[in-house]
């Protein structure tokens, strides 16, 4: 990792070598170590919750079948994306991303249950 390489480079510059005794990741995205659970108390998280850093678009019932089959969004959202698309019931349908020409296409489509 970058931090390990930095420590090794510093040690080399100082002429004595160096390494890290301990390295702990305290944050990745919106997940913070202080809010993590112990292994014994883990609960299953929904896929949509796992993608909570992505902007959310709730798809109405008329577009669910199209989106589930790889359809593109009819209403183009603001922003750069990517977006997680969910049903009214909160089920993750897909993750869409913006193309170079400004349209919004499916990046990942979840399999139907």
PDB file of N, CA and C in Angstrom:
ATOM      1  N   UNK A   1       0.835  -1.197   0.000  1.00  0.00           N
ATOM      2  CA  UNK A   1       0.000   0.000   0.000  1.00  0.00           C
ATOM      3  C   UNK A   1       0.868   1.244   0.000  1.00  0.00           C
ATOM      4  N   UNK A   2       0.251   2.360  -0.239  1.00  0.00           N
ATOM      5  CA  UNK A   2       0.963   3.630  -0.306  1.00  0.00           C
ATOM      6  C   UNK A   2       1.683   3.927   1.006  1.00  0.00           C
ATOM      7  N   UNK A   3       1.033   3.728   2.126  1.00  0.00           N
ATOM      8  CA  UNK A   3       1.633   4.057   3.424  1.00  0.00           C
ATOM      9  C   UNK A   3       2.830   3.146   3.704  1.00  0.00           C
ATOM     10  N   UNK A   4       2.706   1.872   3.396  1.00  0.00           N
ATOM     11  CA  UNK A   4       3.835   0.952   3.599  1.00  0.00           C
ATOM     12  C   UNK A   4       5.025   1.352   2.723  1.00  0.00           C
ATOM     13  N   UNK A   5       4.746   1.708   1.477  1.00  0.00           N
ATOM     14  CA  UNK A   5       5.817   2.145   0.568  1.00  0.00           C
ATOM     15  C   UNK A   5       6.468   3.422   1.069  1.00  0.00           C
ATOM     16  N   UNK A   6       5.664   4.338   1.585  1.00  0.00           N
ATOM     17  CA  UNK A   6       6.189   5.591   2.125  1.00  0.00           C
ATOM     18  C   UNK A   6       7.139   5.318   3.290  1.00  0.00           C
ATOM     19  N   UNK A   7       6.761   4.413   4.185  1.00  0.00           N
ATOM     20  CA  UNK A   7       7.625   4.078   5.318  1.00  0.00           C
ATOM     21  C   UNK A   7       8.937   3.464   4.836  1.00  0.00           C
ATOM     22  N   UNK A   8       8.856   2.559   3.867  1.00  0.00           N
ATOM     23  CA  UNK A   8      10.071   1.932   3.337  1.00  0.00           C
ATOM     24  C   UNK A   8      10.967   2.966   2.661  1.00  0.00           C
ATOM     25  N   UNK A   9      10.372   3.883   1.903  1.00  0.00           N
ATOM     26  CA  UNK A   9      11.152   4.935   1.239  1.00  0.00           C
ATOM     27  C   UNK A   9      11.829   5.849   2.249  1.00  0.00           C
ATOM     28  N   UNK A  10      11.117   6.208   3.322  1.00  0.00           N
ATOM     29  CA  UNK A  10      11.715   7.047   4.369  1.00  0.00           C
ATOM     30  C   UNK A  10      12.893   6.339   5.026  1.00  0.00           C
ATOM     31  N   UNK A  11      12.721   5.055   5.304  1.00  0.00           N
ATOM     32  CA  UNK A  11      13.813   4.281   5.894  1.00  0.00           C
ATOM     33  C   UNK A  11      15.027   4.232   4.993  1.00  0.00           C
ATOM     34  N   UNK A  12      14.781   4.077   3.696  1.00  0.00           N
ATOM     35  CA  UNK A  12      15.887   4.046   2.738  1.00  0.00           C
ATOM     36  C   UNK A  12      16.602   5.391   2.688  1.00  0.00           C
ATOM     37  N   UNK A  13      15.829   6.494   2.698  1.00  0.00           N
ATOM     38  CA  UNK A  13      16.433   7.832   2.699  1.00  0.00           C
ATOM     39  C   UNK A  13      17.276   8.070   3.949  1.00  0.00           C
ATOM     40  N   UNK A  14      16.834   7.531   5.073  1.00  0.00           N
ATOM     41  CA  UNK A  14      17.561   7.709   6.326  1.00  0.00           C
ATOM     42  C   UNK A  14      18.721   6.719   6.467  1.00  0.00           C
ATOM     43  N   UNK A  15      18.798   5.768   5.560  1.00  0.00           N
ATOM     44  CA  UNK A  15      19.912   4.837   5.553  1.00  0.00           C
ATOM     45  C   UNK A  15      19.797   3.691   6.528  1.00  0.00           C
ATOM     46  N   UNK A  16      18.662   3.490   7.128  1.00  0.00           N
ATOM     47  CA  UNK A  16      18.557   2.421   8.116  1.00  0.00           C
ATOM     48  C   UNK A  16      17.437   1.440   7.865  1.00  0.00           C
ATOM     49  N   UNK A  17      16.631   1.660   6.863  1.00  0.00           N
ATOM     50  CA  UNK A  17      15.480   0.787   6.625  1.00  0.00           C
ATOM     51  C   UNK A  17      14.351   1.105   7.589  1.00  0.00           C
ATOM     52  N   UNK A  18      13.164   0.797   7.187  1.00  0.00           N
ATOM     53  CA  UNK A  18      12.004   1.040   8.049  1.00  0.00           C
ATOM     54  C   UNK A  18      10.848   0.160   7.590  1.00  0.00           C
ATOM     55  N   UNK A  19       9.967  -0.128   8.513  1.00  0.00           N
ATOM     56  CA  UNK A  19       8.738  -0.850   8.203  1.00  0.00           C
ATOM     57  C   UNK A  19       7.657  -0.393   9.176  1.00  0.00           C
ATOM     58  N   UNK A  20       6.445  -0.739   8.879  1.00  0.00           N
ATOM     59  CA  UNK A  20       5.340  -0.400   9.775  1.00  0.00           C
ATOM     60  C   UNK A  20       5.102  -1.551  10.732  1.00  0.00           C
ATOM     61  N   UNK A  21       4.945  -1.228  11.972  1.00  0.00           N
ATOM     62  CA  UNK A  21       4.623  -2.239  12.962  1.00  0.00           C
ATOM     63  C   UNK A  21       3.117  -2.490  12.977  1.00  0.00           C
ATOM     64  N   UNK A  22       2.345  -1.433  12.703  1.00  0.00           N
ATOM     65  CA  UNK A  22       0.892  -1.544  12.777  1.00  0.00           C
ATOM     66  C   UNK A  22       0.278  -0.555  11.798  1.00  0.00           C
ATOM     67  N   UNK A  23      -0.723  -0.985  11.075  1.00  0.00           N
ATOM     68  CA  UNK A  23      -1.460  -0.118  10.161  1.00  0.00           C
ATOM     69  C   UNK A  23      -2.924  -0.507  10.260  1.00  0.00           C
ATOM     70  N   UNK A  24      -3.775   0.457  10.545  1.00  0.00           N
ATOM     71  CA  UNK A  24      -5.198   0.173  10.737  1.00  0.00           C
ATOM     72  C   UNK A  24      -6.021   1.128   9.895  1.00  0.00           C
ATOM     73  N   UNK A  25      -6.881   0.581   9.045  1.00  0.00           N
ATOM     74  CA  UNK A  25      -7.797   1.402   8.249  1.00  0.00           C
ATOM     75  C   UNK A  25      -8.954   1.808   9.168  1.00  0.00           C
ATOM     76  N   UNK A  26      -9.194   3.099   9.281  1.00  0.00           N
ATOM     77  CA  UNK A  26     -10.254   3.590  10.161  1.00  0.00           C
ATOM     78  C   UNK A  26     -11.478   4.067   9.406  1.00  0.00           C
ATOM     79  N   UNK A  27     -11.363   4.182   8.083  1.00  0.00           N
ATOM     80  CA  UNK A  27     -12.498   4.651   7.292  1.00  0.00           C
ATOM     81  C   UNK A  27     -12.325   4.203   5.848  1.00  0.00           C
ATOM     82  N   UNK A  28     -13.435   3.818   5.239  1.00  0.00           N
ATOM     83  CA  UNK A  28     -13.476   3.580   3.802  1.00  0.00           C
ATOM     84  C   UNK A  28     -14.856   4.017   3.328  1.00  0.00           C
ATOM     85  N   UNK A  29     -14.881   5.056   2.518  1.00  0.00           N
ATOM     86  CA  UNK A  29     -16.165   5.627   2.090  1.00  0.00           C
ATOM     87  C   UNK A  29     -16.928   6.153   3.288  1.00  0.00           C
ATOM     88  N   UNK A  30     -18.181   5.761   3.412  1.00  0.00           N
ATOM     89  CA  UNK A  30     -19.002   6.221   4.536  1.00  0.00           C
ATOM     90  C   UNK A  30     -18.911   5.282   5.737  1.00  0.00           C
ATOM     91  N   UNK A  31     -18.115   4.218   5.632  1.00  0.00           N
ATOM     92  CA  UNK A  31     -17.980   3.257   6.726  1.00  0.00           C
ATOM     93  C   UNK A  31     -16.810   3.656   7.613  1.00  0.00           C
ATOM     94  N   UNK A  32     -17.095   3.839   8.910  1.00  0.00           N
ATOM     95  CA  UNK A  32     -16.112   4.295   9.882  1.00  0.00           C
ATOM     96  C   UNK A  32     -15.895   3.184  10.905  1.00  0.00           C
ATOM     97  N   UNK A  33     -14.650   2.943  11.289  1.00  0.00           N
ATOM     98  CA  UNK A  33     -14.311   1.851  12.199  1.00  0.00           C
ATOM     99  C   UNK A  33     -15.090   1.920  13.506  1.00  0.00           C
ATOM    100  N   UNK A  34     -15.338   3.119  14.012  1.00  0.00           N
ATOM    101  CA  UNK A  34     -16.055   3.261  15.281  1.00  0.00           C
ATOM    102  C   UNK A  34     -17.483   2.732  15.206  1.00  0.00           C
ATOM    103  N   UNK A  35     -18.039   2.651  14.005  1.00  0.00           N
ATOM    104  CA  UNK A  35     -19.421   2.187  13.844  1.00  0.00           C
ATOM    105  C   UNK A  35     -19.501   0.733  13.381  1.00  0.00           C
ATOM    106  N   UNK A  36     -18.365   0.053  13.314  1.00  0.00           N
ATOM    107  CA  UNK A  36     -18.340  -1.337  12.852  1.00  0.00           C
ATOM    108  C   UNK A  36     -18.785  -2.290  13.955  1.00  0.00           C
ATOM    109  N   UNK A  37     -19.265  -3.446  13.540  1.00  0.00           N
ATOM    110  CA  UNK A  37     -19.720  -4.479  14.470  1.00  0.00           C
ATOM    111  C   UNK A  37     -18.619  -5.514  14.676  1.00  0.00           C
ATOM    112  N   UNK A  38     -18.705  -6.212  15.783  1.00  0.00           N
ATOM    113  CA  UNK A  38     -17.824  -7.345  16.019  1.00  0.00           C
ATOM    114  C   UNK A  38     -18.289  -8.504  15.142  1.00  0.00           C
ATOM    115  N   UNK A  39     -17.389  -9.387  14.757  1.00  0.00           N
ATOM    116  CA  UNK A  39     -17.740 -10.488  13.863  1.00  0.00           C
ATOM    117  C   UNK A  39     -18.915 -11.314  14.374  1.00  0.00           C
ATOM    118  N   UNK A  40     -18.988 -11.554  15.661  1.00  0.00           N
ATOM    119  CA  UNK A  40     -20.057 -12.379  16.222  1.00  0.00           C
ATOM    120  C   UNK A  40     -21.433 -11.750  16.156  1.00  0.00           C
ATOM    121  N   UNK A  41     -21.504 -10.447  15.943  1.00  0.00           N
ATOM    122  CA  UNK A  41     -22.809  -9.776  15.943  1.00  0.00           C
ATOM    123  C   UNK A  41     -23.185  -9.218  14.571  1.00  0.00           C
ATOM    124  N   UNK A  42     -22.546  -9.720  13.520  1.00  0.00           N
ATOM    125  CA  UNK A  42     -22.835  -9.216  12.180  1.00  0.00           C
ATOM    126  C   UNK A  42     -24.233  -9.604  11.719  1.00  0.00           C
ATOM    127  N   UNK A  43     -24.858  -8.700  10.988  1.00  0.00           N
ATOM    128  CA  UNK A  43     -26.157  -8.957  10.381  1.00  0.00           C
ATOM    129  C   UNK A  43     -26.041  -8.688   8.891  1.00  0.00           C
ATOM    130  N   UNK A  44     -26.851  -9.376   8.124  1.00  0.00           N
ATOM    131  CA  UNK A  44     -26.843  -9.204   6.683  1.00  0.00           C
ATOM    132  C   UNK A  44     -27.372  -7.825   6.317  1.00  0.00           C
ATOM    133  N   UNK A  45     -26.659  -7.129   5.449  1.00  0.00           N
ATOM    134  CA  UNK A  45     -27.045  -5.799   4.980  1.00  0.00           C
ATOM    135  C   UNK A  45     -27.607  -5.945   3.569  1.00  0.00           C
ATOM    136  N   UNK A  46     -28.619  -5.167   3.249  1.00  0.00           N
ATOM    137  CA  UNK A  46     -29.162  -5.222   1.892  1.00  0.00           C
ATOM    138  C   UNK A  46     -28.125  -4.688   0.907  1.00  0.00           C
ATOM    139  N   UNK A  47     -28.221  -5.138  -0.338  1.00  0.00           N
ATOM    140  CA  UNK A  47     -27.281  -4.657  -1.354  1.00  0.00           C
ATOM    141  C   UNK A  47     -27.423  -3.155  -1.544  1.00  0.00           C
ATOM    142  N   UNK A  48     -28.645  -2.642  -1.471  1.00  0.00           N
ATOM    143  CA  UNK A  48     -28.857  -1.204  -1.624  1.00  0.00           C
ATOM    144  C   UNK A  48     -28.162  -0.434  -0.505  1.00  0.00           C
ATOM    145  N   UNK A  49     -28.268  -0.932   0.733  1.00  0.00           N
ATOM    146  CA  UNK A  49     -27.586  -0.272   1.851  1.00  0.00           C
ATOM    147  C   UNK A  49     -26.071  -0.325   1.675  1.00  0.00           C
ATOM    148  N   UNK A  50     -25.567  -1.398   1.094  1.00  0.00           N
ATOM    149  CA  UNK A  50     -24.137  -1.520   0.836  1.00  0.00           C
ATOM    150  C   UNK A  50     -23.630  -0.508  -0.179  1.00  0.00           C
ATOM    151  N   UNK A  51     -24.542   0.039  -0.963  1.00  0.00           N
ATOM    152  CA  UNK A  51     -24.192   1.044  -1.973  1.00  0.00           C
ATOM    153  C   UNK A  51     -24.696   2.429  -1.581  1.00  0.00           C
ATOM    154  N   UNK A  52     -24.838   2.665  -0.290  1.00  0.00           N
ATOM    155  CA  UNK A  52     -25.454   3.910   0.186  1.00  0.00           C
ATOM    156  C   UNK A  52     -24.669   5.165  -0.184  1.00  0.00           C
ATOM    157  N   UNK A  53     -23.424   5.030  -0.613  1.00  0.00           N
ATOM    158  CA  UNK A  53     -22.665   6.202  -1.063  1.00  0.00           C
ATOM    159  C   UNK A  53     -23.134   6.691  -2.433  1.00  0.00           C
ATOM    160  N   UNK A  54     -23.860   5.854  -3.169  1.00  0.00           N
ATOM    161  CA  UNK A  54     -24.353   6.236  -4.492  1.00  0.00           C
ATOM    162  C   UNK A  54     -25.677   6.977  -4.365  1.00  0.00           C
ATOM    163  N   UNK A  55     -25.901   7.934  -5.258  1.00  0.00           N
ATOM    164  CA  UNK A  55     -27.185   8.630  -5.284  1.00  0.00           C
ATOM    165  C   UNK A  55     -28.291   7.628  -5.574  1.00  0.00           C
ATOM    166  N   UNK A  56     -29.468   7.912  -5.049  1.00  0.00           N
ATOM    167  CA  UNK A  56     -30.598   6.988  -5.104  1.00  0.00           C
ATOM    168  C   UNK A  56     -31.662   7.478  -6.071  1.00  0.00           C
ATOM    169  N   UNK A  57     -32.147   6.568  -6.918  1.00  0.00           N
ATOM    170  CA  UNK A  57     -33.287   6.843  -7.785  1.00  0.00           C
ATOM    171  C   UNK A  57     -34.304   5.736  -7.539  1.00  0.00           C
ATOM    172  N   UNK A  58     -35.519   6.123  -7.166  1.00  0.00           N
ATOM    173  CA  UNK A  58     -36.594   5.158  -6.998  1.00  0.00           C
ATOM    174  C   UNK A  58     -37.354   5.063  -8.313  1.00  0.00           C
ATOM    175  N   UNK A  59     -37.422   3.867  -8.854  1.00  0.00           N
ATOM    176  CA  UNK A  59     -38.043   3.621 -10.155  1.00  0.00           C
ATOM    177  C   UNK A  59     -39.507   3.262  -9.940  1.00  0.00           C
ATOM    178  N   UNK A  60     -40.404   3.910 -10.701  1.00  0.00           N
ATOM    179  CA  UNK A  60     -41.822   3.574 -10.536  1.00  0.00           C
ATOM    180  C   UNK A  60     -42.130   2.248 -11.230  1.00  0.00           C
ATOM    181  N   UNK A  61     -43.276   1.682 -10.886  1.00  0.00           N
ATOM    182  CA  UNK A  61     -43.648   0.346 -11.358  1.00  0.00           C
ATOM    183  C   UNK A  61     -43.647   0.214 -12.876  1.00  0.00           C
ATOM    184  N   UNK A  62     -43.887   1.307 -13.591  1.00  0.00           N
ATOM    185  CA  UNK A  62     -43.946   1.227 -15.054  1.00  0.00           C
ATOM    186  C   UNK A  62     -42.575   0.990 -15.680  1.00  0.00           C
ATOM    187  N   UNK A  63     -41.489   1.313 -14.964  1.00  0.00           N
ATOM    188  CA  UNK A  63     -40.140   1.143 -15.518  1.00  0.00           C
ATOM    189  C   UNK A  63     -39.385  -0.054 -14.954  1.00  0.00           C
ATOM    190  N   UNK A  64     -39.942  -0.729 -13.949  1.00  0.00           N
ATOM    191  CA  UNK A  64     -39.220  -1.823 -13.293  1.00  0.00           C
ATOM    192  C   UNK A  64     -38.839  -2.922 -14.286  1.00  0.00           C
ATOM    193  N   UNK A  65     -39.775  -3.368 -15.124  1.00  0.00           N
ATOM    194  CA  UNK A  65     -39.484  -4.455 -16.071  1.00  0.00           C
ATOM    195  C   UNK A  65     -38.383  -4.048 -17.047  1.00  0.00           C
ATOM    196  N   UNK A  66     -38.452  -2.829 -17.547  1.00  0.00           N
ATOM    197  CA  UNK A  66     -37.441  -2.351 -18.493  1.00  0.00           C
ATOM    198  C   UNK A  66     -36.062  -2.291 -17.845  1.00  0.00           C
ATOM    199  N   UNK A  67     -35.984  -1.700 -16.656  1.00  0.00           N
ATOM    200  CA  UNK A  67     -34.707  -1.577 -15.940  1.00  0.00           C
ATOM    201  C   UNK A  67     -34.151  -2.966 -15.618  1.00  0.00           C
ATOM    202  N   UNK A  68     -35.015  -3.893 -15.213  1.00  0.00           N
ATOM    203  CA  UNK A  68     -34.584  -5.250 -14.870  1.00  0.00           C
ATOM    204  C   UNK A  68     -34.022  -6.003 -16.067  1.00  0.00           C
ATOM    205  N   UNK A  69     -34.375  -5.558 -17.262  1.00  0.00           N
ATOM    206  CA  UNK A  69     -33.876  -6.188 -18.487  1.00  0.00           C
ATOM    207  C   UNK A  69     -32.803  -5.349 -19.175  1.00  0.00           C
ATOM    208  N   UNK A  70     -32.170  -4.444 -18.422  1.00  0.00           N
ATOM    209  CA  UNK A  70     -31.062  -3.661 -18.963  1.00  0.00           C
ATOM    210  C   UNK A  70     -31.463  -2.381 -19.657  1.00  0.00           C
ATOM    211  N   UNK A  71     -32.714  -1.939 -19.444  1.00  0.00           N
ATOM    212  CA  UNK A  71     -33.174  -0.712 -20.081  1.00  0.00           C
ATOM    213  C   UNK A  71     -32.496   0.528 -19.523  1.00  0.00           C
ATOM    214  N   UNK A  72     -32.466   1.553 -20.351  1.00  0.00           N
ATOM    215  CA  UNK A  72     -31.881   2.838 -19.963  1.00  0.00           C
ATOM    216  C   UNK A  72     -32.951   3.666 -19.283  1.00  0.00           C
ATOM    217  N   UNK A  73     -32.538   4.635 -18.473  1.00  0.00           N
ATOM    218  CA  UNK A  73     -33.490   5.522 -17.798  1.00  0.00           C
ATOM    219  C   UNK A  73     -34.148   6.461 -18.798  1.00  0.00           C
ATOM    220  N   UNK A  74     -35.455   6.655 -18.630  1.00  0.00           N
ATOM    221  CA  UNK A  74     -36.153   7.585 -19.524  1.00  0.00           C
ATOM    222  C   UNK A  74     -35.944   9.033 -19.081  1.00  0.00           C
ATOM    223  N   UNK A  75     -35.895   9.270 -17.774  1.00  0.00           N
ATOM    224  CA  UNK A  75     -35.628  10.611 -17.244  1.00  0.00           C
ATOM    225  C   UNK A  75     -34.179  10.659 -16.774  1.00  0.00           C
ATOM    226  N   UNK A  76     -33.380  11.504 -17.394  1.00  0.00           N
ATOM    227  CA  UNK A  76     -31.960  11.590 -17.055  1.00  0.00           C
ATOM    228  C   UNK A  76     -31.794  12.453 -15.807  1.00  0.00           C
ATOM    229  N   UNK A  77     -31.206  11.890 -14.738  1.00  0.00           N
ATOM    230  CA  UNK A  77     -31.022  12.651 -13.502  1.00  0.00           C
ATOM    231  C   UNK A  77     -29.889  13.664 -13.619  1.00  0.00           C
ATOM    232  N   UNK A  78     -29.899  14.638 -12.707  1.00  0.00           N
ATOM    233  CA  UNK A  78     -28.786  15.577 -12.604  1.00  0.00           C
ATOM    234  C   UNK A  78     -27.610  14.869 -11.942  1.00  0.00           C
ATOM    235  N   UNK A  79     -26.428  15.407 -12.108  1.00  0.00           N
ATOM    236  CA  UNK A  79     -25.249  14.866 -11.448  1.00  0.00           C
ATOM    237  C   UNK A  79     -24.458  13.941 -12.345  1.00  0.00           C
ATOM    238  N   UNK A  80     -23.346  13.465 -11.804  1.00  0.00           N
ATOM    239  CA  UNK A  80     -22.423  12.626 -12.565  1.00  0.00           C
ATOM    240  C   UNK A  80     -22.655  11.135 -12.365  1.00  0.00           C
ATOM    241  N   UNK A  81     -23.380  10.765 -11.294  1.00  0.00           N
ATOM    242  CA  UNK A  81     -23.598   9.350 -11.006  1.00  0.00           C
ATOM    243  C   UNK A  81     -22.344   8.741 -10.401  1.00  0.00           C
ATOM    244  N   UNK A  82     -22.317   7.443 -10.254  1.00  0.00           N
ATOM    245  CA  UNK A  82     -23.362   6.490 -10.596  1.00  0.00           C
ATOM    246  C   UNK A  82     -24.541   6.558  -9.632  1.00  0.00           C
ATOM    247  N   UNK A  83     -25.637   5.924 -10.032  1.00  0.00           N
ATOM    248  CA  UNK A  83     -26.870   5.915  -9.250  1.00  0.00           C
ATOM    249  C   UNK A  83     -27.286   4.479  -8.978  1.00  0.00           C
ATOM    250  N   UNK A  84     -27.850   4.252  -7.796  1.00  0.00           N
ATOM    251  CA  UNK A  84     -28.467   2.951  -7.519  1.00  0.00           C
ATOM    252  C   UNK A  84     -29.960   3.113  -7.759  1.00  0.00           C
ATOM    253  N   UNK A  85     -30.530   2.206  -8.489  1.00  0.00           N
ATOM    254  CA  UNK A  85     -31.948   2.245  -8.825  1.00  0.00           C
ATOM    255  C   UNK A  85     -32.672   1.198  -8.002  1.00  0.00           C
ATOM    256  N   UNK A  86     -33.708   1.625  -7.283  1.00  0.00           N
ATOM    257  CA  UNK A  86     -34.466   0.704  -6.444  1.00  0.00           C
ATOM    258  C   UNK A  86     -35.952   0.793  -6.777  1.00  0.00           C
ATOM    259  N   UNK A  87     -36.687  -0.238  -6.365  1.00  0.00           N
ATOM    260  CA  UNK A  87     -38.142  -0.236  -6.499  1.00  0.00           C
ATOM    261  C   UNK A  87     -38.746   0.550  -5.345  1.00  0.00           C
ATOM    262  N   UNK A  88     -40.065   0.765  -5.398  1.00  0.00           N
ATOM    263  CA  UNK A  88     -40.758   1.417  -4.279  1.00  0.00           C
ATOM    264  C   UNK A  88     -40.593   0.623  -2.987  1.00  0.00           C
ATOM    265  N   UNK A  89     -40.403  -0.695  -3.102  1.00  0.00           N
ATOM    266  CA  UNK A  89     -40.232  -1.557  -1.929  1.00  0.00           C
ATOM    267  C   UNK A  89     -38.789  -1.579  -1.427  1.00  0.00           C
ATOM    268  N   UNK A  90     -37.882  -0.865  -2.105  1.00  0.00           N
ATOM    269  CA  UNK A  90     -36.493  -0.787  -1.663  1.00  0.00           C
ATOM    270  C   UNK A  90     -35.576  -1.846  -2.242  1.00  0.00           C
ATOM    271  N   UNK A  91     -36.058  -2.651  -3.196  1.00  0.00           N
ATOM    272  CA  UNK A  91     -35.237  -3.696  -3.801  1.00  0.00           C
ATOM    273  C   UNK A  91     -34.303  -3.093  -4.849  1.00  0.00           C
ATOM    274  N   UNK A  92     -33.031  -3.435  -4.777  1.00  0.00           N
ATOM    275  CA  UNK A  92     -32.046  -2.924  -5.729  1.00  0.00           C
ATOM    276  C   UNK A  92     -32.258  -3.563  -7.095  1.00  0.00           C
ATOM    277  N   UNK A  93     -32.426  -2.727  -8.122  1.00  0.00           N
ATOM    278  CA  UNK A  93     -32.610  -3.211  -9.492  1.00  0.00           C
ATOM    279  C   UNK A  93     -31.318  -3.153 -10.295  1.00  0.00           C
ATOM    280  N   UNK A  94     -30.606  -2.028 -10.181  1.00  0.00           N
ATOM    281  CA  UNK A  94     -29.445  -1.813 -11.041  1.00  0.00           C
ATOM    282  C   UNK A  94     -28.614  -0.649 -10.516  1.00  0.00           C
ATOM    283  N   UNK A  95     -27.431  -0.538 -11.066  1.00  0.00           N
ATOM    284  CA  UNK A  95     -26.587   0.639 -10.872  1.00  0.00           C
ATOM    285  C   UNK A  95     -26.364   1.210 -12.266  1.00  0.00           C
ATOM    286  N   UNK A  96     -26.710   2.474 -12.448  1.00  0.00           N
ATOM    287  CA  UNK A  96     -26.571   3.137 -13.746  1.00  0.00           C
ATOM    288  C   UNK A  96     -25.464   4.182 -13.683  1.00  0.00           C
ATOM    289  N   UNK A  97     -24.879   4.467 -14.841  1.00  0.00           N
ATOM    290  CA  UNK A  97     -23.792   5.445 -14.928  1.00  0.00           C
ATOM    291  C   UNK A  97     -23.998   6.323 -16.158  1.00  0.00           C
ATOM    292  N   UNK A  98     -23.392   7.501 -16.117  1.00  0.00           N
ATOM    293  CA  UNK A  98     -23.528   8.444 -17.231  1.00  0.00           C
ATOM    294  C   UNK A  98     -22.525   8.097 -18.330  1.00  0.00           C
ATOM    295  N   UNK A  99     -22.982   8.187 -19.581  1.00  0.00           N
ATOM    296  CA  UNK A  99     -22.113   7.961 -20.735  1.00  0.00           C
ATOM    297  C   UNK A  99     -21.456   9.278 -21.136  1.00  0.00           C
ATOM    298  N   UNK A 100     -20.490   9.208 -22.033  1.00  0.00           N
ATOM    299  CA  UNK A 100     -19.797  10.413 -22.499  1.00  0.00           C
ATOM    300  C   UNK A 100     -20.735  11.382 -23.205  1.00  0.00           C
ATOM    301  N   UNK A 101     -21.800  10.867 -23.810  1.00  0.00           N
ATOM    302  CA  UNK A 101     -22.744  11.751 -24.509  1.00  0.00           C
ATOM    303  C   UNK A 101     -23.889  12.222 -23.610  1.00  0.00           C
ATOM    304  N   UNK A 102     -23.791  11.957 -22.283  1.00  0.00           N
ATOM    305  CA  UNK A 102     -24.754  12.498 -21.331  1.00  0.00           C
ATOM    306  C   UNK A 102     -25.927  11.601 -20.996  1.00  0.00           C
ATOM    307  N   UNK A 103     -26.064  10.478 -21.687  1.00  0.00           N
ATOM    308  CA  UNK A 103     -27.155   9.564 -21.358  1.00  0.00           C
ATOM    309  C   UNK A 103     -26.793   8.754 -20.118  1.00  0.00           C
ATOM    310  N   UNK A 104     -27.777   8.055 -19.560  1.00  0.00           N
ATOM    311  CA  UNK A 104     -27.555   7.246 -18.364  1.00  0.00           C
ATOM    312  C   UNK A 104     -27.870   5.796 -18.712  1.00  0.00           C
ATOM    313  N   UNK A 105     -26.847   4.923 -18.624  1.00  0.00           N
ATOM    314  CA  UNK A 105     -26.998   3.531 -19.035  1.00  0.00           C
ATOM    315  C   UNK A 105     -26.754   2.588 -17.863  1.00  0.00           C
ATOM    316  N   UNK A 106     -27.226   1.349 -17.984  1.00  0.00           N
ATOM    317  CA  UNK A 106     -26.974   0.382 -16.916  1.00  0.00           C
ATOM    318  C   UNK A 106     -25.504  -0.018 -16.871  1.00  0.00           C
ATOM    319  N   UNK A 107     -24.941   0.005 -15.675  1.00  0.00           N
ATOM    320  CA  UNK A 107     -23.591  -0.501 -15.469  1.00  0.00           C
ATOM    321  C   UNK A 107     -23.667  -1.923 -14.943  1.00  0.00           C
ATOM    322  N   UNK A 108     -24.588  -2.143 -13.997  1.00  0.00           N
ATOM    323  CA  UNK A 108     -24.827  -3.462 -13.414  1.00  0.00           C
ATOM    324  C   UNK A 108     -26.328  -3.617 -13.256  1.00  0.00           C
ATOM    325  N   UNK A 109     -26.866  -4.743 -13.699  1.00  0.00           N
ATOM    326  CA  UNK A 109     -28.286  -5.052 -13.519  1.00  0.00           C
ATOM    327  C   UNK A 109     -28.368  -6.276 -12.621  1.00  0.00           C
ATOM    328  N   UNK A 110     -29.144  -6.173 -11.556  1.00  0.00           N
ATOM    329  CA  UNK A 110     -29.279  -7.279 -10.614  1.00  0.00           C
ATOM    330  C   UNK A 110     -30.175  -8.359 -11.220  1.00  0.00           C
ATOM    331  N   UNK A 111     -29.846  -9.626 -11.004  1.00  0.00           N
ATOM    332  CA  UNK A 111     -30.696 -10.696 -11.532  1.00  0.00           C
ATOM    333  C   UNK A 111     -32.059 -10.695 -10.844  1.00  0.00           C
ATOM    334  N   UNK A 112     -33.091 -11.061 -11.597  1.00  0.00           N
ATOM    335  CA  UNK A 112     -34.438 -11.142 -11.025  1.00  0.00           C
ATOM    336  C   UNK A 112     -34.487 -12.298 -10.038  1.00  0.00           C
ATOM    337  N   UNK A 113     -35.290 -12.134  -9.004  1.00  0.00           N
ATOM    338  CA  UNK A 113     -35.422 -13.196  -8.000  1.00  0.00           C
ATOM    339  C   UNK A 113     -36.377 -14.251  -8.462  1.00  0.00           C
TER     340      UNK A 113
END
